């Protein structure tokens, strides 16, 4: 393959790495939210649901 043919693959790999990094930050935020809610007395099940809802809403809002 020539360098010109490799360029879309390199760009795709770069874009996927950026998305993975962004998702990791959001996932860590959701995990912190869940842990904080549990420390404040929320049940683990409800804390998980709230954090998951926040994460899904954030991801869907980011894609719009």
Protein backbone atom coordinates (compact mmCIF):
# COMPACT_ATOMS: atom_id res chain seq x y z
CA UNK A 1 0.00 0.00 0.00
CA UNK A 2 1.09 3.51 -0.66
CA UNK A 3 1.23 6.24 1.93
CA UNK A 4 -1.87 7.84 0.44
CA UNK A 5 -3.82 4.59 0.81
CA UNK A 6 -2.63 4.21 4.42
CA UNK A 7 -3.81 7.69 5.39
CA UNK A 8 -7.52 6.83 6.01
CA UNK A 9 -6.48 3.88 8.20
CA UNK A 10 -4.13 6.07 10.22
CA UNK A 11 -6.85 8.71 10.64
CA UNK A 12 -9.37 6.06 11.71
CA UNK A 13 -6.94 4.65 14.28
CA UNK A 14 -6.29 8.14 15.61
CA UNK A 15 -10.01 8.93 15.84
CA UNK A 16 -10.73 5.65 17.63
CA UNK A 17 -7.96 6.34 20.15
CA UNK A 18 -9.47 9.78 20.87
CA UNK A 19 -12.92 8.26 21.33
CA UNK A 20 -11.54 5.62 23.67
CA UNK A 21 -9.81 8.30 25.74
CA UNK A 22 -13.01 10.38 25.91
CA UNK A 23 -15.08 7.37 26.92
CA UNK A 24 -12.59 6.45 29.64
CA UNK A 25 -12.98 9.91 31.19
CA UNK A 26 -16.78 9.66 31.10
CA UNK A 27 -16.74 6.14 32.50
CA UNK A 28 -14.47 7.24 35.36
CA UNK A 29 -16.83 10.14 36.10
CA UNK A 30 -19.80 7.78 36.25
CA UNK A 31 -17.88 5.44 38.54
CA UNK A 32 -17.04 8.35 40.85
CA UNK A 33 -20.67 9.44 40.85
CA UNK A 34 -21.80 5.94 41.82
CA UNK A 35 -19.25 5.74 44.64
CA UNK A 36 -20.20 9.19 45.98
CA UNK A 37 -23.90 8.31 45.96
CA UNK A 38 -23.16 5.10 47.86
CA UNK A 39 -21.12 7.02 50.44
CA UNK A 40 -24.06 9.39 50.86
CA UNK A 41 -26.31 6.44 51.73
CA UNK A 42 -27.90 5.53 48.40
CA UNK A 43 -28.27 1.81 47.78
CA UNK A 44 -25.69 0.31 45.40
CA UNK A 45 -28.46 -0.62 42.95
CA UNK A 46 -29.93 2.88 42.78
CA UNK A 47 -26.47 4.50 42.67
CA UNK A 48 -25.55 2.26 39.73
CA UNK A 49 -28.79 3.11 37.92
CA UNK A 50 -28.32 6.85 38.40
CA UNK A 51 -24.71 6.70 37.20
CA UNK A 52 -25.65 4.52 34.21
CA UNK A 53 -28.48 6.87 33.27
CA UNK A 54 -26.10 9.86 33.48
CA UNK A 55 -23.52 8.08 31.33
CA UNK A 56 -26.04 7.03 28.68
CA UNK A 57 -27.56 10.51 28.59
CA UNK A 58 -24.14 12.07 28.25
CA UNK A 59 -23.14 9.73 25.43
CA UNK A 60 -26.40 10.19 23.53
CA UNK A 61 -26.25 13.93 23.98
CA UNK A 62 -22.67 13.96 22.74
CA UNK A 63 -23.62 12.11 19.56
CA UNK A 64 -26.50 14.46 18.69
